[in-house]
Amino acid sequence: MTKLSVNINKIATLRNSRGGNVPDLLKVAADVQKFGAQGVTIHPRPDERHIRYKDARDLVPVVYTEYNIEGNPIKKFMDLVLEVKPTQVTLVPDADDAITSNAGWDTIKHKSFLQEVIAEFKRNDIRTSIFVDPVLNMIEGAKETGTDRIELYTEAFAHEYGLGNEEGIAPYVASAKLANELGLGINAGHDLSLDNIKFFKDNIPGLLEVSIGHALISESLYLGIENVVNMYLQKLK
């Protein structure tokens, strides 16, 4: 079964919009695990506009499943991850002002940088994953960085699937097959939803984990978060 890691950034966005502690981020993290999610994901950005660095620390005693911290490996982020020591760190090449992640790493251009960063995390027993587009030479480049896993950036698939084009999954299938041959673990995320997750999961060989936030929280406004988590779990079997 592919694991579900719930990205709780949107809970922090809602909390921060009003001030105070409603909704309670820590309670939501505890609840999604109670409802069956196998992991919790956060993506702190330098301006702390949603997840705060303090949240990352406060979640340590709360997350008893897999704890995944995503972000651009600037010094402040690296120091945080090395302090918190999550299960996994996912490296994302975000600009400081990015609204959301919008591209994978150029694993060839940034090979030396990624090798250095990944080696530091692995010395501290933190599993590593890097955000990549479904491009074969980028998958090959990812292998050279020493990363444990890749996270396939799925926005393009989600867009094409929404238009009725199931062939949009083809580069993801090819990338997954190559990753499996190279011994890389496969995660995926971005714009995955209840509408497209089963098709994606059924077609991607060796898919270990998906990280879903925006869609899952939005769907929960209508259907309830416990119900939605379980709907994802059913589709990921």
Protein backbone atom coordinates (compact mmCIF):
# COMPACT_ATOMS: atom_id res chain seq x y z
CA MET A 1 0.00 0.00 0.00
CA THR A 2 1.20 3.50 -0.85
CA LYS A 3 1.54 5.63 2.29
CA LEU A 4 -0.42 8.85 2.75
CA SER A 5 1.41 11.81 4.29
CA VAL A 6 -0.91 14.73 5.01
CA ASN A 7 0.57 18.17 4.36
CA ILE A 8 -0.84 20.49 7.05
CA ASN A 9 0.43 23.81 5.66
CA LYS A 10 -3.12 24.96 4.85
CA ILE A 11 -4.12 24.49 8.49
CA ALA A 12 -1.32 26.86 9.46
CA THR A 13 -2.42 29.34 6.77
CA LEU A 14 -5.93 29.42 8.23
CA ARG A 15 -4.63 29.77 11.78
CA ASN A 16 -2.28 32.59 10.86
CA SER A 17 -4.98 34.51 8.97
CA ARG A 18 -6.78 35.26 12.24
CA GLY A 19 -4.07 35.01 14.85
CA GLY A 20 -4.37 32.81 17.90
CA ASN A 21 -4.36 29.05 17.69
CA VAL A 22 -7.54 28.13 15.81
CA PRO A 23 -7.39 25.72 14.12
CA ASP A 24 -4.92 23.95 16.37
CA LEU A 25 -2.14 22.65 14.11
CA LEU A 26 -0.87 20.12 16.63
CA LYS A 27 -4.35 18.66 17.15
CA VAL A 28 -4.88 18.33 13.41
CA ALA A 29 -1.52 16.53 13.11
CA ALA A 30 -2.52 14.17 15.90
CA ASP A 31 -5.98 13.63 14.42
CA VAL A 32 -4.93 12.80 10.85
CA GLN A 33 -2.64 10.11 12.25
CA LYS A 34 -5.46 8.80 14.44
CA PHE A 35 -7.64 8.67 11.33
CA GLY A 36 -5.07 6.48 9.58
CA ALA A 37 -2.59 8.73 7.76
CA GLN A 38 0.88 7.22 7.81
CA GLY A 39 2.72 10.53 7.87
CA VAL A 40 2.61 14.29 8.38
CA THR A 41 4.30 16.75 6.02
CA ILE A 42 5.17 20.40 6.57
CA HIS A 43 6.87 22.91 4.28
CA PRO A 44 8.19 25.89 6.25
CA ARG A 45 9.23 28.86 4.14
CA PRO A 46 11.65 31.60 5.18
CA ASP A 47 8.88 34.17 5.78
CA GLU A 48 6.93 31.64 7.93
CA ARG A 49 3.68 32.69 6.26
CA HIS A 50 2.07 29.37 7.06
CA ILE A 51 4.19 26.79 8.92
CA ARG A 52 6.46 28.47 11.45
CA TYR A 53 9.83 27.09 12.43
CA LYS A 54 8.44 26.79 15.96
CA ASP A 55 5.70 24.51 14.58
CA ALA A 56 8.35 22.15 13.23
CA ARG A 57 9.82 21.81 16.70
CA ASP A 58 6.44 21.56 18.45
CA LEU A 59 5.37 18.71 16.16
CA VAL A 60 8.24 16.43 17.22
CA PRO A 61 6.41 14.80 20.16
CA VAL A 62 3.12 14.76 18.22
CA VAL A 63 4.13 12.98 15.02
CA TYR A 64 4.59 9.29 15.78
CA THR A 65 4.24 8.15 12.15
CA GLU A 66 6.58 9.46 9.44
CA TYR A 67 7.56 13.11 9.80
CA ASN A 68 8.46 14.76 6.49
CA ILE A 69 9.84 18.30 6.29
CA GLU A 70 10.02 19.89 2.84
CA GLY A 71 11.93 22.99 1.83
CA ASN A 72 14.75 24.75 0.07
CA PRO A 73 18.01 23.80 1.81
CA ILE A 74 19.15 27.27 2.82
CA LYS A 75 21.19 27.38 6.03
CA LYS A 76 18.23 28.27 8.27
CA PHE A 77 16.24 25.34 6.90
CA MET A 78 19.14 22.91 7.18
CA ASP A 79 19.78 23.94 10.79
CA LEU A 80 16.09 23.35 11.59
CA VAL A 81 16.02 19.90 10.01
CA LEU A 82 19.25 18.84 11.70
CA GLU A 83 17.79 19.94 15.04
CA VAL A 84 14.37 18.32 14.57
CA LYS A 85 15.65 15.14 12.85
CA PRO A 86 12.45 14.14 11.01
CA THR A 87 12.01 10.79 9.32
CA GLN A 88 12.53 12.39 5.92
CA VAL A 89 13.63 15.69 4.43
CA THR A 90 12.36 16.56 0.95
CA LEU A 91 14.49 19.13 -0.86
CA VAL A 92 12.52 21.58 -3.02
CA PRO A 93 14.07 24.39 -5.12
CA ASP A 94 11.59 27.07 -4.03
CA ALA A 95 12.18 30.75 -4.52
CA ASP A 96 11.58 32.72 -1.32
CA ASP A 97 8.46 34.34 -2.77
CA ALA A 98 6.98 31.21 -4.35
CA ILE A 99 3.29 30.75 -3.56
CA THR A 100 3.72 27.01 -3.98
CA SER A 101 6.32 24.62 -5.38
CA ASN A 102 6.48 25.01 -9.16
CA ALA A 103 9.42 23.01 -10.49
CA GLY A 104 11.75 20.17 -9.69
CA TRP A 105 15.51 20.34 -9.28
CA ASP A 106 17.89 20.45 -12.19
CA THR A 107 19.80 17.53 -10.74
CA ILE A 108 22.62 17.87 -13.26
CA LYS A 109 23.27 21.60 -12.83
CA HIS A 110 22.99 21.38 -9.03
CA LYS A 111 24.62 17.98 -8.61
CA SER A 112 27.52 19.09 -6.39
CA PHE A 113 25.31 21.23 -4.16
CA LEU A 114 22.75 18.46 -3.72
CA GLN A 115 25.47 15.88 -3.01
CA GLU A 116 26.83 18.05 -0.20
CA VAL A 117 23.44 18.76 1.35
CA ILE A 118 22.23 15.17 1.09
CA ALA A 119 25.44 13.80 2.60
CA GLU A 120 24.98 16.05 5.65
CA PHE A 121 21.42 14.86 6.22
CA LYS A 122 22.37 11.22 5.72
CA ARG A 123 25.19 11.58 8.26
CA ASN A 124 22.42 12.47 10.70
CA ASP A 125 20.28 9.43 9.77
CA ILE A 126 17.61 11.48 8.00
CA ARG A 127 16.12 9.90 4.88
CA THR A 128 16.44 12.17 1.86
CA SER A 129 14.15 12.87 -1.07
CA ILE A 130 14.43 15.45 -3.84
CA PHE A 131 11.63 17.06 -5.83
CA VAL A 132 12.01 16.31 -9.55
CA ASP A 133 10.14 16.69 -12.80
CA PRO A 134 9.34 13.48 -14.71
CA VAL A 135 12.32 13.84 -17.03
CA LEU A 136 14.59 10.84 -17.45
CA ASN A 137 17.93 12.63 -17.31
CA MET A 138 16.78 14.41 -14.14
CA ILE A 139 16.03 10.99 -12.61
CA GLU A 140 19.48 9.78 -13.62
CA GLY A 141 20.95 12.96 -12.15
CA ALA A 142 19.05 12.36 -8.91
CA LYS A 143 20.76 9.00 -8.55
CA GLU A 144 24.14 10.73 -8.74
CA THR A 145 23.28 13.04 -5.82
CA GLY A 146 23.06 10.14 -3.38
CA THR A 147 19.42 10.75 -2.47
CA ASP A 148 17.36 7.88 -1.08
CA ARG A 149 14.19 8.86 -2.90
CA ILE A 150 12.72 11.21 -5.45
CA GLU A 151 9.40 13.01 -5.21
CA LEU A 152 7.75 13.26 -8.60
CA TYR A 153 6.26 16.73 -9.17
CA THR A 154 2.74 15.86 -10.31
CA GLU A 155 1.19 19.20 -11.30
CA ALA A 156 1.47 18.46 -15.03
CA PHE A 157 -0.20 15.06 -14.59
CA ALA A 158 -3.03 16.56 -12.53
CA HIS A 159 -3.63 19.27 -15.12
CA GLU A 160 -3.75 16.83 -18.04
CA TYR A 161 -5.91 14.36 -16.15
CA GLY A 162 -8.37 17.13 -15.35
CA LEU A 163 -8.65 17.79 -19.09
CA GLY A 164 -9.43 14.12 -19.70
CA ASN A 165 -5.99 13.26 -21.05
CA GLU A 166 -4.91 10.06 -19.35
CA GLU A 167 -1.78 9.97 -21.53
CA GLY A 168 -0.40 12.73 -19.32
CA ILE A 169 0.78 10.02 -16.97
CA ALA A 170 3.21 8.52 -19.51
CA PRO A 171 6.34 10.47 -18.47
CA TYR A 172 5.64 9.60 -14.84
CA VAL A 173 5.42 5.89 -15.64
CA ALA A 174 8.70 6.05 -17.56
CA SER A 175 10.35 8.01 -14.74
CA ALA A 176 9.13 5.56 -12.12
CA LYS A 177 10.40 2.58 -14.08
CA LEU A 178 13.82 4.18 -14.39
CA ALA A 179 13.87 5.12 -10.70
CA ASN A 180 13.06 1.52 -9.78
CA GLU A 181 15.91 0.30 -12.01
CA LEU A 182 18.28 2.76 -10.33
CA GLY A 183 17.22 1.76 -6.83
CA LEU A 184 15.57 5.09 -5.97
CA GLY A 185 12.46 5.16 -3.80
CA ILE A 186 9.49 6.98 -5.31
CA ASN A 187 7.29 9.57 -3.63
CA ALA A 188 4.91 11.95 -5.39
CA GLY A 189 3.01 15.13 -4.72
CA HIS A 190 1.40 18.35 -5.96
CA ASP A 191 -2.24 18.71 -7.02
CA LEU A 192 -3.03 15.07 -6.32
CA SER A 193 -6.66 14.75 -5.24
CA LEU A 194 -9.50 12.31 -4.65
CA ASP A 195 -10.32 12.61 -8.34
CA ASN A 196 -6.93 11.55 -9.69
CA ILE A 197 -5.08 9.68 -6.94
CA LYS A 198 -6.30 6.17 -7.72
CA PHE A 199 -5.42 6.42 -11.42
CA PHE A 200 -2.00 7.77 -10.55
CA LYS A 201 -1.30 5.15 -7.91
CA ASP A 202 -2.48 2.28 -10.10
CA ASN A 203 -0.13 3.29 -12.91
CA ILE A 204 3.06 4.18 -11.03
CA PRO A 205 5.15 1.10 -10.19
CA GLY A 206 6.78 1.17 -6.79
CA LEU A 207 5.02 4.29 -5.49
CA LEU A 208 5.94 4.44 -1.79
CA GLU A 209 4.32 7.63 -0.56
CA VAL A 210 2.18 10.58 -1.61
CA SER A 211 2.12 13.92 0.14
CA ILE A 212 -1.23 15.69 -0.19
CA GLY A 213 -2.30 18.95 1.40
CA HIS A 214 -4.22 21.58 -0.56
CA ALA A 215 -6.73 19.21 -2.14
CA LEU A 216 -7.18 17.10 0.98
CA ILE A 217 -7.88 20.08 3.22
CA SER A 218 -10.20 21.63 0.61
CA GLU A 219 -12.12 18.37 0.18
CA SER A 220 -12.41 18.13 3.96
CA LEU A 221 -14.39 21.38 4.08
CA TYR A 222 -17.23 19.51 2.41
CA LEU A 223 -16.69 15.92 3.47
CA GLY A 224 -14.92 16.09 6.84
CA ILE A 225 -11.26 15.39 7.42
CA GLU A 226 -11.65 11.93 8.98
CA ASN A 227 -13.81 10.84 6.07
CA VAL A 228 -11.43 12.30 3.47
CA VAL A 229 -8.33 10.70 4.99
CA ASN A 230 -10.07 7.33 4.86
CA MET A 231 -11.21 7.93 1.28
CA TYR A 232 -7.57 8.47 0.30
CA LEU A 233 -6.49 5.37 2.18
CA GLN A 234 -9.04 3.29 0.30
CA LYS A 235 -7.84 4.63 -3.04
CA LEU A 236 -4.19 4.00 -2.14
CA LYS A 237 -4.66 0.29 -1.35
